[in-house]
């Protein structure tokens, strides 16, 4: 009987396995071949095997490490800011959202806009010559910082990322906050615990898994950001805003070095898997 059930299980899993192999396995195999080959657009059907040369060139490139450092800083700072702001909003607005649930849908509007469109909107608003914000600052203050210049571009990009994606953290953290049993809070209040004590001793520990998930998702998304940065600065500001995704794009389409671009993408994928494995290991130990 158990053998028949196991055979039925494999039969039911077969379509999913075939789908994953076709959608993920085949492109990954092609990428692996290209990453080990010298290939350009003219020779895309006849790649020349060069071993790990593309990986070595990418790892020896100073611009590659600059892009990696930018992406790492951007991902960490933006994810941490979104987590803290989302946590504050989730707890502060929870009574209001409980009474008017439609407010939650209203607060989700920023993340429903395409990232490229958000970048273009802020580029127009913050542009040094035609932007509304610099115009007001020049008119009423006499001076305005160059929001998209080399000195301020990183801060501007982080703020734009936080403004657009904090609602995602808010959604996860509000759900976690609402899932904390009311009986536990009431029991702690009866025992004399004040609001801050209940927050530190009950709410935050019970919300910790959701906080970790929100931070991890936003960090991965921020680490591989492309749209916002490219439309806002075009990887410009002295090249100081080149992310890993933009570096790969430039190597692929502008330099035509497909092999090195794919090798850099494989390194990015390996780094993402490494972070995922680390988070999974930490989660298992906490469990």
C-alpha atoms as a PDB file:
ATOM      1  CA  UNK A   1       0.000   0.000   0.000  1.00  0.00           C
ATOM      2  CA  UNK A   2       2.829   2.388   0.941  1.00  0.00           C
ATOM      3  CA  UNK A   3       4.645   1.524  -2.308  1.00  0.00           C
ATOM      4  CA  UNK A   4       1.536   2.420  -4.297  1.00  0.00           C
ATOM      5  CA  UNK A   5       1.221   5.724  -2.430  1.00  0.00           C
ATOM      6  CA  UNK A   6       4.879   6.531  -3.095  1.00  0.00           C
ATOM      7  CA  UNK A   7       4.392   5.755  -6.806  1.00  0.00           C
ATOM      8  CA  UNK A   8       1.294   7.988  -6.903  1.00  0.00           C
ATOM      9  CA  UNK A   9       3.239  10.770  -5.178  1.00  0.00           C
ATOM     10  CA  UNK A  10       6.051  10.617  -7.752  1.00  0.00           C
ATOM     11  CA  UNK A  11       3.471  10.603 -10.549  1.00  0.00           C
ATOM     12  CA  UNK A  12       1.794  13.735  -9.154  1.00  0.00           C
ATOM     13  CA  UNK A  13       5.150  15.494  -8.699  1.00  0.00           C
ATOM     14  CA  UNK A  14       6.292  14.694 -12.237  1.00  0.00           C
ATOM     15  CA  UNK A  15       4.608  17.737 -13.926  1.00  0.00           C
ATOM     16  CA  UNK A  16       6.087  20.123 -11.341  1.00  0.00           C
ATOM     17  CA  UNK A  17       9.539  18.544 -11.744  1.00  0.00           C
ATOM     18  CA  UNK A  18       9.372  18.824 -15.546  1.00  0.00           C
ATOM     19  CA  UNK A  19       8.194  22.442 -15.271  1.00  0.00           C
ATOM     20  CA  UNK A  20      11.052  23.389 -12.925  1.00  0.00           C
ATOM     21  CA  UNK A  21      13.632  21.650 -15.095  1.00  0.00           C
ATOM     22  CA  UNK A  22      12.349  23.455 -18.184  1.00  0.00           C
ATOM     23  CA  UNK A  23      11.963  26.897 -16.602  1.00  0.00           C
ATOM     24  CA  UNK A  24      14.970  26.922 -14.264  1.00  0.00           C
ATOM     25  CA  UNK A  25      17.256  23.987 -15.020  1.00  0.00           C
ATOM     26  CA  UNK A  26      17.690  24.627 -18.759  1.00  0.00           C
ATOM     27  CA  UNK A  27      18.461  28.395 -18.480  1.00  0.00           C
ATOM     28  CA  UNK A  28      20.815  27.684 -15.571  1.00  0.00           C
ATOM     29  CA  UNK A  29      22.676  25.067 -17.649  1.00  0.00           C
ATOM     30  CA  UNK A  30      22.998  27.503 -20.585  1.00  0.00           C
ATOM     31  CA  UNK A  31      24.232  30.251 -18.240  1.00  0.00           C
ATOM     32  CA  UNK A  32      26.801  27.887 -16.741  1.00  0.00           C
ATOM     33  CA  UNK A  33      28.126  27.018 -20.229  1.00  0.00           C
ATOM     34  CA  UNK A  34      28.334  30.701 -21.226  1.00  0.00           C
ATOM     35  CA  UNK A  35      30.041  31.651 -17.962  1.00  0.00           C
ATOM     36  CA  UNK A  36      32.816  29.169 -18.803  1.00  0.00           C
ATOM     37  CA  UNK A  37      33.158  30.381 -22.398  1.00  0.00           C
ATOM     38  CA  UNK A  38      34.366  33.381 -24.390  1.00  0.00           C
ATOM     39  CA  UNK A  39      31.206  34.461 -26.162  1.00  0.00           C
ATOM     40  CA  UNK A  40      29.923  37.644 -27.756  1.00  0.00           C
ATOM     41  CA  UNK A  41      26.802  38.434 -29.760  1.00  0.00           C
ATOM     42  CA  UNK A  42      28.561  37.429 -33.001  1.00  0.00           C
ATOM     43  CA  UNK A  43      29.635  34.068 -31.538  1.00  0.00           C
ATOM     44  CA  UNK A  44      26.667  33.342 -29.296  1.00  0.00           C
ATOM     45  CA  UNK A  45      25.998  30.013 -31.041  1.00  0.00           C
ATOM     46  CA  UNK A  46      29.643  28.924 -30.979  1.00  0.00           C
ATOM     47  CA  UNK A  47      31.045  29.727 -27.501  1.00  0.00           C
ATOM     48  CA  UNK A  48      34.732  28.995 -26.935  1.00  0.00           C
ATOM     49  CA  UNK A  49      35.478  27.185 -23.673  1.00  0.00           C
ATOM     50  CA  UNK A  50      37.909  29.161 -21.458  1.00  0.00           C
ATOM     51  CA  UNK A  51      37.312  27.573 -18.065  1.00  0.00           C
ATOM     52  CA  UNK A  52      37.172  29.958 -15.099  1.00  0.00           C
ATOM     53  CA  UNK A  53      38.744  32.892 -16.974  1.00  0.00           C
ATOM     54  CA  UNK A  54      35.522  34.949 -16.941  1.00  0.00           C
ATOM     55  CA  UNK A  55      35.137  34.478 -13.189  1.00  0.00           C
ATOM     56  CA  UNK A  56      38.746  35.522 -12.665  1.00  0.00           C
ATOM     57  CA  UNK A  57      38.347  38.655 -14.810  1.00  0.00           C
ATOM     58  CA  UNK A  58      35.201  39.668 -12.930  1.00  0.00           C
ATOM     59  CA  UNK A  59      36.801  39.110  -9.531  1.00  0.00           C
ATOM     60  CA  UNK A  60      39.925  41.077 -10.537  1.00  0.00           C
ATOM     61  CA  UNK A  61      37.871  44.014 -11.801  1.00  0.00           C
ATOM     62  CA  UNK A  62      37.904  47.037  -9.483  1.00  0.00           C
ATOM     63  CA  UNK A  63      34.546  48.219 -10.860  1.00  0.00           C
ATOM     64  CA  UNK A  64      33.013  44.831  -9.994  1.00  0.00           C
ATOM     65  CA  UNK A  65      33.969  45.166  -6.328  1.00  0.00           C
ATOM     66  CA  UNK A  66      32.818  48.794  -6.261  1.00  0.00           C
ATOM     67  CA  UNK A  67      29.424  47.651  -7.559  1.00  0.00           C
ATOM     68  CA  UNK A  68      29.347  44.804  -5.017  1.00  0.00           C
ATOM     69  CA  UNK A  69      30.175  47.204  -2.155  1.00  0.00           C
ATOM     70  CA  UNK A  70      27.495  49.668  -3.300  1.00  0.00           C
ATOM     71  CA  UNK A  71      24.873  46.912  -3.568  1.00  0.00           C
ATOM     72  CA  UNK A  72      25.782  45.503  -0.148  1.00  0.00           C
ATOM     73  CA  UNK A  73      25.598  48.916   1.575  1.00  0.00           C
ATOM     74  CA  UNK A  74      22.419  49.838  -0.269  1.00  0.00           C
ATOM     75  CA  UNK A  75      20.710  46.530   0.533  1.00  0.00           C
ATOM     76  CA  UNK A  76      21.635  46.540   4.231  1.00  0.00           C
ATOM     77  CA  UNK A  77      20.846  50.198   4.985  1.00  0.00           C
ATOM     78  CA  UNK A  78      17.613  50.278   2.969  1.00  0.00           C
ATOM     79  CA  UNK A  79      16.377  46.971   4.443  1.00  0.00           C
ATOM     80  CA  UNK A  80      17.169  48.070   8.014  1.00  0.00           C
ATOM     81  CA  UNK A  81      15.438  51.436   7.519  1.00  0.00           C
ATOM     82  CA  UNK A  82      12.371  49.757   6.011  1.00  0.00           C
ATOM     83  CA  UNK A  83      12.249  47.261   8.867  1.00  0.00           C
ATOM     84  CA  UNK A  84      12.417  49.907  11.608  1.00  0.00           C
ATOM     85  CA  UNK A  85       9.983  52.278   9.895  1.00  0.00           C
ATOM     86  CA  UNK A  86       7.608  49.423   9.030  1.00  0.00           C
ATOM     87  CA  UNK A  87       7.745  48.179  12.631  1.00  0.00           C
ATOM     88  CA  UNK A  88       6.973  51.630  14.012  1.00  0.00           C
ATOM     89  CA  UNK A  89       4.064  52.137  11.600  1.00  0.00           C
ATOM     90  CA  UNK A  90       2.689  48.635  12.218  1.00  0.00           C
ATOM     91  CA  UNK A  91       2.524  49.155  15.987  1.00  0.00           C
ATOM     92  CA  UNK A  92       1.537  52.835  15.892  1.00  0.00           C
ATOM     93  CA  UNK A  93      -1.183  52.435  13.249  1.00  0.00           C
ATOM     94  CA  UNK A  94      -2.498  49.034  14.375  1.00  0.00           C
ATOM     95  CA  UNK A  95      -5.492  50.433  16.370  1.00  0.00           C
ATOM     96  CA  UNK A  96      -6.462  52.659  13.440  1.00  0.00           C
ATOM     97  CA  UNK A  97      -6.097  49.878  10.842  1.00  0.00           C
ATOM     98  CA  UNK A  98      -8.113  47.487  13.042  1.00  0.00           C
ATOM     99  CA  UNK A  99     -11.052  49.931  12.896  1.00  0.00           C
ATOM    100  CA  UNK A 100     -10.584  50.912   9.233  1.00  0.00           C
ATOM    101  CA  UNK A 101      -8.987  47.976   7.328  1.00  0.00           C
ATOM    102  CA  UNK A 102      -9.238  49.835   4.019  1.00  0.00           C
ATOM    103  CA  UNK A 103      -6.384  52.077   5.224  1.00  0.00           C
ATOM    104  CA  UNK A 104      -3.993  49.171   4.777  1.00  0.00           C
ATOM    105  CA  UNK A 105      -4.806  48.984   1.060  1.00  0.00           C
ATOM    106  CA  UNK A 106      -4.277  52.753   0.810  1.00  0.00           C
ATOM    107  CA  UNK A 107      -0.863  52.464   2.477  1.00  0.00           C
ATOM    108  CA  UNK A 108       0.171  49.762  -0.029  1.00  0.00           C
ATOM    109  CA  UNK A 109      -0.178  52.131  -3.012  1.00  0.00           C
ATOM    110  CA  UNK A 110       3.537  53.159  -3.261  1.00  0.00           C
ATOM    111  CA  UNK A 111       4.750  49.617  -3.870  1.00  0.00           C
ATOM    112  CA  UNK A 112       2.134  49.079  -6.590  1.00  0.00           C
ATOM    113  CA  UNK A 113       3.855  51.632  -8.825  1.00  0.00           C
ATOM    114  CA  UNK A 114       6.496  50.261 -11.215  1.00  0.00           C
ATOM    115  CA  UNK A 115      10.007  50.930  -9.806  1.00  0.00           C
ATOM    116  CA  UNK A 116      11.143  52.437 -13.120  1.00  0.00           C
ATOM    117  CA  UNK A 117       8.250  54.910 -13.008  1.00  0.00           C
ATOM    118  CA  UNK A 118       9.060  55.815  -9.406  1.00  0.00           C
ATOM    119  CA  UNK A 119      12.646  56.511 -10.448  1.00  0.00           C
ATOM    120  CA  UNK A 120      11.539  58.764 -13.300  1.00  0.00           C
ATOM    121  CA  UNK A 121       9.117  60.636 -11.027  1.00  0.00           C
ATOM    122  CA  UNK A 122      11.781  61.375  -8.430  1.00  0.00           C
ATOM    123  CA  UNK A 123      14.277  62.267 -11.175  1.00  0.00           C
ATOM    124  CA  UNK A 124      11.918  64.986 -12.375  1.00  0.00           C
ATOM    125  CA  UNK A 125      11.130  66.157  -8.846  1.00  0.00           C
ATOM    126  CA  UNK A 126      14.777  66.267  -7.687  1.00  0.00           C
ATOM    127  CA  UNK A 127      16.490  67.352 -10.918  1.00  0.00           C
ATOM    128  CA  UNK A 128      18.969  70.165 -10.274  1.00  0.00           C
ATOM    129  CA  UNK A 129      17.618  72.429 -13.048  1.00  0.00           C
ATOM    130  CA  UNK A 130      13.952  71.531 -13.561  1.00  0.00           C
ATOM    131  CA  UNK A 131      13.027  69.806 -10.276  1.00  0.00           C
ATOM    132  CA  UNK A 132      10.313  71.204  -8.017  1.00  0.00           C
ATOM    133  CA  UNK A 133      12.156  70.541  -4.755  1.00  0.00           C
ATOM    134  CA  UNK A 134      15.429  72.319  -5.747  1.00  0.00           C
ATOM    135  CA  UNK A 135      13.371  75.218  -7.135  1.00  0.00           C
ATOM    136  CA  UNK A 136      11.572  75.708  -3.789  1.00  0.00           C
ATOM    137  CA  UNK A 137      14.831  75.451  -1.866  1.00  0.00           C
ATOM    138  CA  UNK A 138      16.552  77.982  -4.144  1.00  0.00           C
ATOM    139  CA  UNK A 139      13.558  80.314  -3.955  1.00  0.00           C
ATOM    140  CA  UNK A 140      12.902  80.273  -0.207  1.00  0.00           C
ATOM    141  CA  UNK A 141      16.275  79.164   1.236  1.00  0.00           C
ATOM    142  CA  UNK A 142      18.760  80.499  -1.333  1.00  0.00           C
ATOM    143  CA  UNK A 143      20.508  77.181  -1.876  1.00  0.00           C
ATOM    144  CA  UNK A 144      19.772  73.548  -2.655  1.00  0.00           C
ATOM    145  CA  UNK A 145      21.870  70.390  -2.400  1.00  0.00           C
ATOM    146  CA  UNK A 146      22.464  68.401  -5.571  1.00  0.00           C
ATOM    147  CA  UNK A 147      20.245  65.444  -4.680  1.00  0.00           C
ATOM    148  CA  UNK A 148      21.502  63.340  -7.592  1.00  0.00           C
ATOM    149  CA  UNK A 149      25.142  64.474  -7.410  1.00  0.00           C
ATOM    150  CA  UNK A 150      28.044  62.220  -6.279  1.00  0.00           C
ATOM    151  CA  UNK A 151      27.865  63.432  -2.653  1.00  0.00           C
ATOM    152  CA  UNK A 152      24.128  62.871  -2.133  1.00  0.00           C
ATOM    153  CA  UNK A 153      23.119  60.260  -4.719  1.00  0.00           C
ATOM    154  CA  UNK A 154      23.467  57.302  -2.348  1.00  0.00           C
ATOM    155  CA  UNK A 155      21.306  58.909   0.353  1.00  0.00           C
ATOM    156  CA  UNK A 156      18.709  59.958  -2.222  1.00  0.00           C
ATOM    157  CA  UNK A 157      18.509  56.439  -3.652  1.00  0.00           C
ATOM    158  CA  UNK A 158      18.118  54.899  -0.189  1.00  0.00           C
ATOM    159  CA  UNK A 159      15.340  57.356   0.722  1.00  0.00           C
ATOM    160  CA  UNK A 160      13.472  56.628  -2.523  1.00  0.00           C
ATOM    161  CA  UNK A 161      13.808  52.880  -1.949  1.00  0.00           C
ATOM    162  CA  UNK A 162      12.547  53.235   1.638  1.00  0.00           C
ATOM    163  CA  UNK A 163       9.589  55.386   0.612  1.00  0.00           C
ATOM    164  CA  UNK A 164       8.475  52.883  -2.002  1.00  0.00           C
ATOM    165  CA  UNK A 165       9.013  49.591  -0.190  1.00  0.00           C
ATOM    166  CA  UNK A 166       8.343  50.319   3.494  1.00  0.00           C
ATOM    167  CA  UNK A 167       4.668  49.350   2.897  1.00  0.00           C
ATOM    168  CA  UNK A 168       5.864  45.805   2.180  1.00  0.00           C
ATOM    169  CA  UNK A 169       7.537  45.597   5.592  1.00  0.00           C
ATOM    170  CA  UNK A 170       4.475  47.244   7.136  1.00  0.00           C
ATOM    171  CA  UNK A 171       2.191  44.579   5.643  1.00  0.00           C
ATOM    172  CA  UNK A 172       4.273  41.688   7.020  1.00  0.00           C
ATOM    173  CA  UNK A 173       4.839  43.254  10.441  1.00  0.00           C
ATOM    174  CA  UNK A 174       1.247  44.367  10.912  1.00  0.00           C
ATOM    175  CA  UNK A 175       0.104  40.793  10.176  1.00  0.00           C
ATOM    176  CA  UNK A 176       2.601  39.482  12.737  1.00  0.00           C
ATOM    177  CA  UNK A 177       1.549  42.096  15.313  1.00  0.00           C
ATOM    178  CA  UNK A 178      -2.137  41.286  14.802  1.00  0.00           C
ATOM    179  CA  UNK A 179      -1.384  37.551  15.233  1.00  0.00           C
ATOM    180  CA  UNK A 180      -0.016  38.017  18.766  1.00  0.00           C
ATOM    181  CA  UNK A 181      -2.716  36.558  21.077  1.00  0.00           C
ATOM    182  CA  UNK A 182      -4.609  39.296  22.899  1.00  0.00           C
ATOM    183  CA  UNK A 183      -4.868  37.024  25.961  1.00  0.00           C
ATOM    184  CA  UNK A 184      -1.089  37.126  26.404  1.00  0.00           C
ATOM    185  CA  UNK A 185      -1.061  40.935  26.384  1.00  0.00           C
ATOM    186  CA  UNK A 186      -4.021  41.073  28.784  1.00  0.00           C
ATOM    187  CA  UNK A 187      -2.350  38.628  31.185  1.00  0.00           C
ATOM    188  CA  UNK A 188       0.860  40.691  31.135  1.00  0.00           C
ATOM    189  CA  UNK A 189      -1.132  43.888  31.763  1.00  0.00           C
ATOM    190  CA  UNK A 190      -2.888  42.259  34.739  1.00  0.00           C
ATOM    191  CA  UNK A 191       0.553  41.310  36.104  1.00  0.00           C
ATOM    192  CA  UNK A 192       1.542  44.975  35.977  1.00  0.00           C
ATOM    193  CA  UNK A 193       3.585  45.094  32.746  1.00  0.00           C
ATOM    194  CA  UNK A 194       3.370  48.506  31.054  1.00  0.00           C
ATOM    195  CA  UNK A 195       3.167  49.137  27.288  1.00  0.00           C
ATOM    196  CA  UNK A 196       6.958  49.259  26.796  1.00  0.00           C
ATOM    197  CA  UNK A 197       7.484  46.109  28.872  1.00  0.00           C
ATOM    198  CA  UNK A 198       4.807  44.260  26.871  1.00  0.00           C
ATOM    199  CA  UNK A 199       6.417  45.442  23.644  1.00  0.00           C
ATOM    200  CA  UNK A 200       9.925  44.224  24.550  1.00  0.00           C
ATOM    201  CA  UNK A 201       8.918  41.037  26.392  1.00  0.00           C
ATOM    202  CA  UNK A 202       5.950  39.834  24.307  1.00  0.00           C
ATOM    203  CA  UNK A 203       5.379  41.573  20.984  1.00  0.00           C
ATOM    204  CA  UNK A 204       8.913  41.814  19.612  1.00  0.00           C
ATOM    205  CA  UNK A 205       9.982  38.237  20.512  1.00  0.00           C
ATOM    206  CA  UNK A 206       6.807  36.815  18.949  1.00  0.00           C
ATOM    207  CA  UNK A 207       7.288  39.033  15.874  1.00  0.00           C
ATOM    208  CA  UNK A 208      10.978  38.132  15.479  1.00  0.00           C
ATOM    209  CA  UNK A 209      10.479  35.494  12.705  1.00  0.00           C
ATOM    210  CA  UNK A 210       8.374  37.943  10.660  1.00  0.00           C
ATOM    211  CA  UNK A 211      10.946  40.702  11.228  1.00  0.00           C
ATOM    212  CA  UNK A 212      13.717  38.387  10.023  1.00  0.00           C
ATOM    213  CA  UNK A 213      11.726  37.418   6.923  1.00  0.00           C
ATOM    214  CA  UNK A 214      10.922  41.058   6.096  1.00  0.00           C
ATOM    215  CA  UNK A 215      14.554  42.099   6.464  1.00  0.00           C
ATOM    216  CA  UNK A 216      15.827  39.187   4.371  1.00  0.00           C
ATOM    217  CA  UNK A 217      13.347  39.754   1.527  1.00  0.00           C
ATOM    218  CA  UNK A 218      14.004  43.487   1.391  1.00  0.00           C
ATOM    219  CA  UNK A 219      17.796  42.979   1.604  1.00  0.00           C
ATOM    220  CA  UNK A 220      17.818  40.554  -1.344  1.00  0.00           C
ATOM    221  CA  UNK A 221      15.581  42.906  -3.336  1.00  0.00           C
ATOM    222  CA  UNK A 222      17.756  45.906  -2.480  1.00  0.00           C
ATOM    223  CA  UNK A 223      20.997  44.035  -3.230  1.00  0.00           C
ATOM    224  CA  UNK A 224      19.893  43.285  -6.787  1.00  0.00           C
ATOM    225  CA  UNK A 225      18.141  46.631  -7.380  1.00  0.00           C
ATOM    226  CA  UNK A 226      18.192  47.927 -10.949  1.00  0.00           C
ATOM    227  CA  UNK A 227      15.147  49.996 -11.981  1.00  0.00           C
ATOM    228  CA  UNK A 228      15.156  52.760  -9.368  1.00  0.00           C
ATOM    229  CA  UNK A 229      18.881  53.391  -9.547  1.00  0.00           C
ATOM    230  CA  UNK A 230      19.168  53.226 -13.326  1.00  0.00           C
ATOM    231  CA  UNK A 231      16.279  55.601 -13.999  1.00  0.00           C
ATOM    232  CA  UNK A 232      17.298  58.032 -11.246  1.00  0.00           C
ATOM    233  CA  UNK A 233      21.036  58.312 -11.875  1.00  0.00           C
ATOM    234  CA  UNK A 234      21.729  56.090 -14.889  1.00  0.00           C
ATOM    235  CA  UNK A 235      24.521  54.523 -12.789  1.00  0.00           C
ATOM    236  CA  UNK A 236      26.080  57.980 -13.051  1.00  0.00           C
ATOM    237  CA  UNK A 237      27.116  60.402 -10.319  1.00  0.00           C
ATOM    238  CA  UNK A 238      30.694  59.601 -11.263  1.00  0.00           C
ATOM    239  CA  UNK A 239      29.885  55.902 -11.574  1.00  0.00           C
ATOM    240  CA  UNK A 240      29.383  55.785  -7.809  1.00  0.00           C
ATOM    241  CA  UNK A 241      25.851  54.369  -8.093  1.00  0.00           C
ATOM    242  CA  UNK A 242      26.611  51.298 -10.183  1.00  0.00           C
ATOM    243  CA  UNK A 243      24.879  48.293  -8.641  1.00  0.00           C
ATOM    244  CA  UNK A 244      25.655  44.657  -9.342  1.00  0.00           C
ATOM    245  CA  UNK A 245      22.665  44.375 -11.667  1.00  0.00           C
ATOM    246  CA  UNK A 246      23.725  47.490 -13.583  1.00  0.00           C
ATOM    247  CA  UNK A 247      27.306  46.188 -13.817  1.00  0.00           C
ATOM    248  CA  UNK A 248      26.019  42.960 -15.366  1.00  0.00           C
ATOM    249  CA  UNK A 249      23.750  44.939 -17.735  1.00  0.00           C
ATOM    250  CA  UNK A 250      26.622  47.130 -18.896  1.00  0.00           C
ATOM    251  CA  UNK A 251      28.957  44.159 -19.390  1.00  0.00           C
ATOM    252  CA  UNK A 252      26.276  42.321 -21.382  1.00  0.00           C
ATOM    253  CA  UNK A 253      24.767  45.005 -23.597  1.00  0.00           C
ATOM    254  CA  UNK A 254      27.357  47.815 -23.723  1.00  0.00           C
ATOM    255  CA  UNK A 255      30.612  45.862 -23.645  1.00  0.00           C
ATOM    256  CA  UNK A 256      29.163  42.809 -25.388  1.00  0.00           C
ATOM    257  CA  UNK A 257      31.170  40.530 -23.077  1.00  0.00           C
ATOM    258  CA  UNK A 258      28.413  37.971 -22.527  1.00  0.00           C
ATOM    259  CA  UNK A 259      30.677  35.416 -20.860  1.00  0.00           C
ATOM    260  CA  UNK A 260      31.907  37.798 -18.163  1.00  0.00           C
ATOM    261  CA  UNK A 261      28.395  39.214 -17.606  1.00  0.00           C
ATOM    262  CA  UNK A 262      26.967  35.734 -17.113  1.00  0.00           C
ATOM    263  CA  UNK A 263      29.878  34.773 -14.838  1.00  0.00           C
ATOM    264  CA  UNK A 264      29.153  37.831 -12.674  1.00  0.00           C
ATOM    265  CA  UNK A 265      25.482  36.809 -12.588  1.00  0.00           C
ATOM    266  CA  UNK A 266      26.444  33.328 -11.415  1.00  0.00           C
ATOM    267  CA  UNK A 267      28.572  34.856  -8.647  1.00  0.00           C
ATOM    268  CA  UNK A 268      25.585  37.004  -7.645  1.00  0.00           C
ATOM    269  CA  UNK A 269      23.379  33.890  -7.582  1.00  0.00           C
ATOM    270  CA  UNK A 270      25.938  32.039  -5.462  1.00  0.00           C
ATOM    271  CA  UNK A 271      26.079  34.949  -2.995  1.00  0.00           C
ATOM    272  CA  UNK A 272      22.266  34.943  -2.728  1.00  0.00           C
ATOM    273  CA  UNK A 273      22.254  31.189  -2.063  1.00  0.00           C
ATOM    274  CA  UNK A 274      24.942  31.670   0.573  1.00  0.00           C
ATOM    275  CA  UNK A 275      22.872  34.302   2.390  1.00  0.00           C
ATOM    276  CA  UNK A 276      19.759  32.116   2.126  1.00  0.00           C
ATOM    277  CA  UNK A 277      21.624  29.108   3.540  1.00  0.00           C
ATOM    278  CA  UNK A 278      22.966  31.242   6.399  1.00  0.00           C
ATOM    279  CA  UNK A 279      19.498  32.546   7.274  1.00  0.00           C
ATOM    280  CA  UNK A 280      18.087  28.995   7.078  1.00  0.00           C
ATOM    281  CA  UNK A 281      20.841  27.730   9.391  1.00  0.00           C
ATOM    282  CA  UNK A 282      20.171  30.486  11.920  1.00  0.00           C
ATOM    283  CA  UNK A 283      16.404  29.809  11.759  1.00  0.00           C
ATOM    284  CA  UNK A 284      16.957  26.094  12.400  1.00  0.00           C
ATOM    285  CA  UNK A 285      19.104  26.822  15.449  1.00  0.00           C
ATOM    286  CA  UNK A 286      16.486  29.223  16.851  1.00  0.00           C
ATOM    287  CA  UNK A 287      13.790  26.567  16.308  1.00  0.00           C
END
